[in-house]
Amino acid sequence: SKPKDADLQKMATEAVAKIPDGGPTPMISVQNGVATLTGEVKDDNAKAAFAAAVAGVKGIKEVNNQLSVAPPPMPAPAPVTVSADDPLTKGATDVLKDYPTVKVEVKDGVITLTGTMKKSDQQKVWQALNALKPKKIENKLTIQ
């Protein structure tokens, strides 16, 4: 006795469910031992793997592979462009990391310094900050 189409369909469905990383499982219908695969799969490899799995089911005479391959995903949006202030902020923060009494703020290319600093450190800090090429340096420091 030849296997029933319903049994073949069940076995074919179980066979494709075992495919690792195959993506969405296709629809399978079986008529007179001919399995028709429909649905959308993630890529050509998955399409071939599903067809091969169904073809390997004992009693399936033929596989009609109607699977379509999903279009590639949309590229991810470009990362947010970094503000021009970011490298300046990083640079100014690096320059001032040894001066915990100084607060630095960068906005629109202007470095604003607040807090306190020793007079002996001022020139060294100024040279380092000027090397970052800000539009200007707002000095609101209290020099000790």
N, C-alpha and C. Protein backbone atom coordinates (compact mmCIF):
# COMPACT_ATOMS: atom_id res chain seq x y z
N SER A 1 0.85 -1.19 0.00
CA SER A 1 0.00 0.00 0.00
C SER A 1 0.88 1.24 0.00
N LYS A 2 0.49 2.21 -0.82
CA LYS A 2 1.31 3.43 -0.85
C LYS A 2 0.88 4.37 0.28
N PRO A 3 1.84 5.17 0.77
CA PRO A 3 1.51 6.05 1.89
C PRO A 3 0.47 7.09 1.48
N LYS A 4 -0.34 7.48 2.45
CA LYS A 4 -1.37 8.50 2.20
C LYS A 4 -0.69 9.87 2.09
N ASP A 5 -1.29 10.74 1.28
CA ASP A 5 -0.76 12.09 1.13
C ASP A 5 -0.70 12.82 2.47
N ALA A 6 -1.72 12.62 3.30
CA ALA A 6 -1.76 13.31 4.61
C ALA A 6 -0.57 12.88 5.47
N ASP A 7 -0.23 11.58 5.41
CA ASP A 7 0.91 11.09 6.18
C ASP A 7 2.21 11.66 5.62
N LEU A 8 2.30 11.69 4.30
CA LEU A 8 3.50 12.23 3.65
C LEU A 8 3.67 13.71 4.01
N GLN A 9 2.55 14.43 4.02
CA GLN A 9 2.60 15.86 4.34
C GLN A 9 3.10 16.04 5.77
N LYS A 10 2.62 15.20 6.70
CA LYS A 10 3.05 15.28 8.10
C LYS A 10 4.55 14.98 8.20
N MET A 11 5.01 13.93 7.51
CA MET A 11 6.43 13.57 7.57
C MET A 11 7.30 14.66 6.94
N ALA A 12 6.82 15.23 5.85
CA ALA A 12 7.58 16.29 5.17
C ALA A 12 7.68 17.53 6.06
N THR A 13 6.58 17.86 6.74
CA THR A 13 6.56 19.01 7.64
C THR A 13 7.53 18.79 8.80
N GLU A 14 7.55 17.56 9.33
CA GLU A 14 8.49 17.24 10.41
C GLU A 14 9.93 17.32 9.91
N ALA A 15 10.16 16.88 8.67
CA ALA A 15 11.52 16.90 8.11
C ALA A 15 12.05 18.33 7.98
N VAL A 16 11.22 19.25 7.49
CA VAL A 16 11.70 20.63 7.32
C VAL A 16 11.83 21.34 8.67
N ALA A 17 11.06 20.92 9.65
CA ALA A 17 11.13 21.55 10.97
C ALA A 17 12.48 21.28 11.64
N LYS A 18 13.17 20.23 11.19
CA LYS A 18 14.46 19.87 11.79
C LYS A 18 15.63 20.65 11.22
N ILE A 19 15.39 21.43 10.17
CA ILE A 19 16.49 22.17 9.53
C ILE A 19 16.92 23.30 10.46
N PRO A 20 18.20 23.28 10.88
CA PRO A 20 18.64 24.35 11.77
C PRO A 20 18.79 25.66 10.99
N ASP A 21 18.39 26.75 11.60
CA ASP A 21 18.61 28.06 11.00
C ASP A 21 17.98 28.20 9.62
N GLY A 22 16.86 27.53 9.41
CA GLY A 22 16.22 27.60 8.09
C GLY A 22 15.29 28.79 7.95
N GLY A 23 15.01 29.44 9.06
CA GLY A 23 14.08 30.57 9.00
C GLY A 23 12.66 30.06 9.07
N PRO A 24 11.70 30.83 8.54
CA PRO A 24 10.29 30.43 8.64
C PRO A 24 10.05 29.11 7.90
N THR A 25 9.24 28.24 8.48
CA THR A 25 8.94 26.94 7.87
C THR A 25 7.95 27.13 6.73
N PRO A 26 8.23 26.50 5.57
CA PRO A 26 7.32 26.65 4.43
C PRO A 26 6.04 25.84 4.61
N MET A 27 5.04 26.17 3.81
CA MET A 27 3.81 25.39 3.75
C MET A 27 4.08 24.22 2.81
N ILE A 28 3.59 23.05 3.18
CA ILE A 28 3.80 21.88 2.33
C ILE A 28 2.44 21.25 2.08
N SER A 29 2.15 21.00 0.81
CA SER A 29 0.95 20.23 0.50
C SER A 29 1.39 19.05 -0.36
N VAL A 30 0.74 17.91 -0.17
CA VAL A 30 1.11 16.71 -0.92
C VAL A 30 -0.13 16.19 -1.63
N GLN A 31 0.03 15.95 -2.93
CA GLN A 31 -1.06 15.38 -3.71
C GLN A 31 -0.48 14.29 -4.59
N ASN A 32 -0.98 13.08 -4.43
CA ASN A 32 -0.51 11.92 -5.21
C ASN A 32 1.00 11.76 -5.12
N GLY A 33 1.56 12.01 -3.93
CA GLY A 33 2.99 11.81 -3.73
C GLY A 33 3.86 12.96 -4.20
N VAL A 34 3.23 14.03 -4.75
CA VAL A 34 3.99 15.20 -5.19
C VAL A 34 3.86 16.27 -4.10
N ALA A 35 4.99 16.68 -3.55
CA ALA A 35 4.98 17.70 -2.49
C ALA A 35 5.20 19.07 -3.11
N THR A 36 4.33 20.01 -2.77
CA THR A 36 4.49 21.39 -3.23
C THR A 36 4.85 22.24 -2.02
N LEU A 37 5.97 22.95 -2.16
CA LEU A 37 6.44 23.83 -1.08
C LEU A 37 6.11 25.26 -1.46
N THR A 38 5.43 25.97 -0.56
CA THR A 38 5.13 27.38 -0.80
C THR A 38 5.47 28.18 0.45
N GLY A 39 5.69 29.45 0.23
CA GLY A 39 6.02 30.35 1.34
C GLY A 39 7.30 31.09 1.02
N GLU A 40 7.69 31.90 1.98
CA GLU A 40 8.89 32.72 1.79
C GLU A 40 9.95 32.24 2.77
N VAL A 41 11.15 32.02 2.24
CA VAL A 41 12.27 31.58 3.08
C VAL A 41 13.35 32.64 3.05
N LYS A 42 14.31 32.51 3.98
CA LYS A 42 15.26 33.61 4.15
C LYS A 42 16.32 33.70 3.06
N ASP A 43 16.70 32.55 2.45
CA ASP A 43 17.73 32.62 1.42
C ASP A 43 17.71 31.37 0.55
N ASP A 44 18.56 31.35 -0.49
CA ASP A 44 18.61 30.22 -1.42
C ASP A 44 19.03 28.94 -0.71
N ASN A 45 19.91 29.05 0.27
CA ASN A 45 20.34 27.85 1.00
C ASN A 45 19.16 27.21 1.72
N ALA A 46 18.33 28.02 2.35
CA ALA A 46 17.16 27.50 3.05
C ALA A 46 16.19 26.88 2.04
N LYS A 47 16.02 27.53 0.90
CA LYS A 47 15.12 27.02 -0.15
C LYS A 47 15.57 25.62 -0.58
N ALA A 48 16.86 25.47 -0.83
CA ALA A 48 17.41 24.17 -1.27
C ALA A 48 17.32 23.14 -0.14
N ALA A 49 17.61 23.57 1.09
CA ALA A 49 17.58 22.64 2.23
C ALA A 49 16.18 22.11 2.48
N PHE A 50 15.17 22.98 2.38
CA PHE A 50 13.79 22.53 2.58
C PHE A 50 13.39 21.53 1.50
N ALA A 51 13.73 21.84 0.24
CA ALA A 51 13.38 20.94 -0.87
C ALA A 51 14.06 19.59 -0.69
N ALA A 52 15.34 19.61 -0.30
CA ALA A 52 16.08 18.36 -0.10
C ALA A 52 15.48 17.54 1.04
N ALA A 53 15.08 18.22 2.11
CA ALA A 53 14.49 17.52 3.26
C ALA A 53 13.20 16.82 2.85
N VAL A 54 12.38 17.52 2.07
CA VAL A 54 11.11 16.94 1.63
C VAL A 54 11.36 15.80 0.64
N ALA A 55 12.31 15.99 -0.27
CA ALA A 55 12.63 14.95 -1.25
C ALA A 55 13.12 13.68 -0.56
N GLY A 56 13.71 13.84 0.62
CA GLY A 56 14.23 12.68 1.35
C GLY A 56 13.17 11.89 2.09
N VAL A 57 11.94 12.37 2.10
CA VAL A 57 10.86 11.65 2.79
C VAL A 57 10.44 10.47 1.92
N LYS A 58 10.45 9.27 2.51
CA LYS A 58 10.09 8.05 1.78
C LYS A 58 8.63 8.15 1.34
N GLY A 59 8.41 7.97 0.05
CA GLY A 59 7.05 8.03 -0.48
C GLY A 59 6.79 9.30 -1.28
N ILE A 60 7.61 10.33 -1.09
CA ILE A 60 7.49 11.55 -1.90
C ILE A 60 8.14 11.26 -3.26
N LYS A 61 7.34 11.40 -4.33
CA LYS A 61 7.86 11.09 -5.67
C LYS A 61 8.57 12.30 -6.28
N GLU A 62 8.05 13.45 -5.95
CA GLU A 62 8.55 14.66 -6.62
C GLU A 62 8.34 15.85 -5.70
N VAL A 63 9.22 16.85 -5.83
CA VAL A 63 9.07 18.08 -5.05
C VAL A 63 8.88 19.23 -6.02
N ASN A 64 7.78 19.94 -5.85
CA ASN A 64 7.52 21.14 -6.65
C ASN A 64 7.89 22.32 -5.74
N ASN A 65 9.09 22.86 -5.95
CA ASN A 65 9.61 23.90 -5.06
C ASN A 65 9.14 25.27 -5.52
N GLN A 66 8.10 25.77 -4.87
CA GLN A 66 7.53 27.09 -5.20
C GLN A 66 7.96 28.14 -4.18
N LEU A 67 8.96 27.82 -3.40
CA LEU A 67 9.39 28.76 -2.35
C LEU A 67 9.98 30.01 -2.97
N SER A 68 9.70 31.14 -2.34
CA SER A 68 10.34 32.38 -2.78
C SER A 68 11.31 32.81 -1.70
N VAL A 69 12.36 33.49 -2.13
CA VAL A 69 13.37 33.95 -1.19
C VAL A 69 13.02 35.37 -0.75
N ALA A 70 13.04 35.57 0.55
CA ALA A 70 12.70 36.90 1.09
C ALA A 70 13.71 37.92 0.58
N PRO A 71 13.26 39.15 0.32
CA PRO A 71 14.22 40.18 -0.08
C PRO A 71 15.18 40.44 1.07
N PRO A 72 16.40 40.86 0.76
CA PRO A 72 17.34 41.12 1.85
C PRO A 72 16.78 42.20 2.77
N PRO A 73 17.12 42.13 4.06
CA PRO A 73 16.61 43.15 4.98
C PRO A 73 17.13 44.52 4.59
N MET A 74 16.36 45.52 4.93
CA MET A 74 16.78 46.90 4.66
C MET A 74 18.07 47.15 5.42
N PRO A 75 18.99 47.89 4.81
CA PRO A 75 20.21 48.19 5.57
C PRO A 75 19.87 49.01 6.81
N ALA A 76 20.61 48.79 7.84
CA ALA A 76 20.38 49.53 9.08
C ALA A 76 20.60 51.01 8.82
N PRO A 77 19.84 51.86 9.49
CA PRO A 77 20.08 53.29 9.28
C PRO A 77 21.51 53.65 9.65
N ALA A 78 22.04 54.61 8.96
CA ALA A 78 23.41 55.04 9.22
C ALA A 78 23.51 55.51 10.67
N PRO A 79 24.64 55.25 11.31
CA PRO A 79 24.76 55.72 12.69
C PRO A 79 24.62 57.24 12.75
N VAL A 80 24.13 57.70 13.86
CA VAL A 80 23.94 59.14 14.04
C VAL A 80 25.31 59.80 13.91
N THR A 81 25.35 60.85 13.10
CA THR A 81 26.64 61.51 12.91
C THR A 81 27.04 62.17 14.21
N VAL A 82 28.30 62.03 14.51
CA VAL A 82 28.84 62.56 15.76
C VAL A 82 28.96 64.07 15.61
N SER A 83 28.54 64.76 16.63
CA SER A 83 28.64 66.21 16.62
C SER A 83 30.11 66.61 16.61
N ALA A 84 30.40 67.72 15.97
CA ALA A 84 31.78 68.22 15.92
C ALA A 84 32.29 68.52 17.32
N ASP A 85 31.36 68.75 18.27
CA ASP A 85 31.77 69.04 19.64
C ASP A 85 32.34 67.80 20.35
N ASP A 86 31.96 66.60 19.87
CA ASP A 86 32.37 65.40 20.59
C ASP A 86 33.88 65.21 20.68
N PRO A 87 34.63 65.30 19.55
CA PRO A 87 36.08 65.16 19.69
C PRO A 87 36.67 66.28 20.57
N LEU A 88 36.08 67.46 20.48
CA LEU A 88 36.54 68.60 21.27
C LEU A 88 36.29 68.34 22.76
N THR A 89 35.09 67.82 23.06
CA THR A 89 34.76 67.50 24.45
C THR A 89 35.73 66.44 24.98
N LYS A 90 35.96 65.40 24.17
CA LYS A 90 36.86 64.33 24.59
C LYS A 90 38.27 64.89 24.82
N GLY A 91 38.72 65.70 23.87
CA GLY A 91 40.06 66.28 23.99
C GLY A 91 40.20 67.15 25.23
N ALA A 92 39.20 68.02 25.44
CA ALA A 92 39.25 68.94 26.58
C ALA A 92 39.17 68.16 27.90
N THR A 93 38.34 67.12 27.92
CA THR A 93 38.22 66.29 29.12
C THR A 93 39.54 65.60 29.41
N ASP A 94 40.21 65.10 28.34
CA ASP A 94 41.52 64.46 28.52
C ASP A 94 42.54 65.45 29.08
N VAL A 95 42.55 66.66 28.52
CA VAL A 95 43.51 67.68 28.97
C VAL A 95 43.31 67.96 30.46
N LEU A 96 42.04 68.01 30.87
CA LEU A 96 41.73 68.44 32.23
C LEU A 96 41.53 67.29 33.22
N LYS A 97 41.80 66.04 32.79
CA LYS A 97 41.54 64.91 33.68
C LYS A 97 42.38 64.98 34.97
N ASP A 98 43.54 65.64 34.90
CA ASP A 98 44.39 65.76 36.09
C ASP A 98 44.02 66.96 36.96
N TYR A 99 42.97 67.68 36.56
CA TYR A 99 42.56 68.88 37.29
C TYR A 99 41.12 68.71 37.76
N PRO A 100 40.91 67.98 38.86
CA PRO A 100 39.53 67.69 39.30
C PRO A 100 38.75 68.93 39.71
N THR A 101 39.43 70.05 39.96
CA THR A 101 38.72 71.27 40.39
C THR A 101 38.21 72.08 39.20
N VAL A 102 38.53 71.63 37.98
CA VAL A 102 38.10 72.36 36.79
C VAL A 102 36.98 71.59 36.09
N LYS A 103 35.91 72.31 35.79
CA LYS A 103 34.81 71.73 35.02
C LYS A 103 34.92 72.27 33.60
N VAL A 104 34.68 71.38 32.63
CA VAL A 104 34.78 71.79 31.23
C VAL A 104 33.44 71.52 30.55
N GLU A 105 33.06 72.46 29.69
CA GLU A 105 31.84 72.29 28.91
C GLU A 105 32.14 72.74 27.50
N VAL A 106 31.67 71.98 26.52
CA VAL A 106 31.91 72.35 25.13
C VAL A 106 30.57 72.50 24.44
N LYS A 107 30.39 73.63 23.78
CA LYS A 107 29.17 73.84 23.01
C LYS A 107 29.50 74.69 21.80
N ASP A 108 29.10 74.18 20.64
CA ASP A 108 29.32 74.91 19.38
C ASP A 108 30.78 75.32 19.20
N GLY A 109 31.68 74.44 19.58
CA GLY A 109 33.10 74.70 19.35
C GLY A 109 33.76 75.61 20.37
N VAL A 110 32.99 76.02 21.40
CA VAL A 110 33.54 76.90 22.44
C VAL A 110 33.76 76.07 23.71
N ILE A 111 34.98 76.13 24.24
CA ILE A 111 35.29 75.44 25.49
C ILE A 111 35.10 76.44 26.62
N THR A 112 34.25 76.08 27.59
CA THR A 112 34.03 76.93 28.76
C THR A 112 34.61 76.23 29.98
N LEU A 113 35.46 76.94 30.69
CA LEU A 113 36.08 76.39 31.90
C LEU A 113 35.53 77.09 33.12
N THR A 114 35.14 76.31 34.13
CA THR A 114 34.70 76.87 35.41
C THR A 114 35.39 76.09 36.51
N GLY A 115 35.41 76.66 37.69
CA GLY A 115 36.07 76.00 38.81
C GLY A 115 37.32 76.76 39.21
N THR A 116 38.29 76.04 39.76
CA THR A 116 39.52 76.69 40.22
C THR A 116 40.74 75.98 39.64
N MET A 117 41.82 76.78 39.47
CA MET A 117 43.06 76.23 38.95
C MET A 117 44.23 77.00 39.54
N LYS A 118 45.33 76.30 39.73
CA LYS A 118 46.55 76.97 40.19
C LYS A 118 47.12 77.78 39.04
N LYS A 119 47.63 78.95 39.36
CA LYS A 119 48.23 79.82 38.34
C LYS A 119 49.35 79.08 37.60
N SER A 120 50.10 78.24 38.32
CA SER A 120 51.23 77.53 37.71
C SER A 120 50.80 76.53 36.63
N ASP A 121 49.53 76.08 36.68
CA ASP A 121 49.05 75.11 35.69
C ASP A 121 48.42 75.77 34.48
N GLN A 122 48.09 77.05 34.63
CA GLN A 122 47.27 77.71 33.62
C GLN A 122 47.87 77.66 32.22
N GLN A 123 49.15 78.00 32.07
CA GLN A 123 49.74 78.09 30.74
C GLN A 123 49.75 76.72 30.04
N LYS A 124 50.12 75.69 30.78
CA LYS A 124 50.19 74.34 30.22
C LYS A 124 48.80 73.91 29.71
N VAL A 125 47.77 74.16 30.53
CA VAL A 125 46.40 73.79 30.18
C VAL A 125 45.95 74.57 28.94
N TRP A 126 46.28 75.88 28.93
CA TRP A 126 45.88 76.73 27.80
C TRP A 126 46.47 76.22 26.49
N GLN A 127 47.76 75.88 26.52
CA GLN A 127 48.42 75.40 25.30
C GLN A 127 47.75 74.11 24.82
N ALA A 128 47.47 73.22 25.75
CA ALA A 128 46.85 71.94 25.38
C ALA A 128 45.45 72.16 24.81
N LEU A 129 44.68 73.06 25.43
CA LEU A 129 43.32 73.33 24.93
C LEU A 129 43.35 74.03 23.58
N ASN A 130 44.27 74.97 23.40
CA ASN A 130 44.38 75.67 22.11
C ASN A 130 44.78 74.71 20.99
N ALA A 131 45.54 73.67 21.33
CA ALA A 131 45.95 72.68 20.34
C ALA A 131 44.74 71.92 19.79
N LEU A 132 43.64 71.91 20.52
CA LEU A 132 42.41 71.25 20.07
C LEU A 132 41.66 72.10 19.03
N LYS A 133 42.11 73.31 18.83
CA LYS A 133 41.53 74.25 17.86
C LYS A 133 40.04 74.55 18.10
N PRO A 134 39.69 74.95 19.33
CA PRO A 134 38.29 75.38 19.55
C PRO A 134 38.08 76.74 18.91
N LYS A 135 36.81 77.13 18.72
CA LYS A 135 36.54 78.48 18.21
C LYS A 135 37.07 79.50 19.21
N LYS A 136 36.81 79.22 20.50
CA LYS A 136 37.37 80.07 21.54
C LYS A 136 37.32 79.34 22.87
N ILE A 137 38.02 79.88 23.84
CA ILE A 137 38.01 79.31 25.19
C ILE A 137 37.45 80.38 26.12
N GLU A 138 36.34 80.06 26.76
CA GLU A 138 35.73 80.96 27.75
C GLU A 138 36.35 80.63 29.09
N ASN A 139 37.09 81.56 29.64
CA ASN A 139 37.75 81.32 30.91
C ASN A 139 36.92 81.91 32.04
N LYS A 140 36.26 81.03 32.79
CA LYS A 140 35.49 81.49 33.95
C LYS A 140 36.11 80.90 35.21
N LEU A 141 37.40 80.58 35.12
CA LEU A 141 38.11 79.96 36.24
C LEU A 141 38.46 80.97 37.32
N THR A 142 38.53 80.49 38.52
CA THR A 142 39.11 81.25 39.62
C THR A 142 40.54 80.76 39.74
N ILE A 143 41.50 81.65 39.49
CA ILE A 143 42.91 81.27 39.55
C ILE A 143 43.40 81.45 40.98
N GLN A 144 44.02 80.41 41.52
CA GLN A 144 44.48 80.46 42.91
C GLN A 144 45.96 80.75 42.97
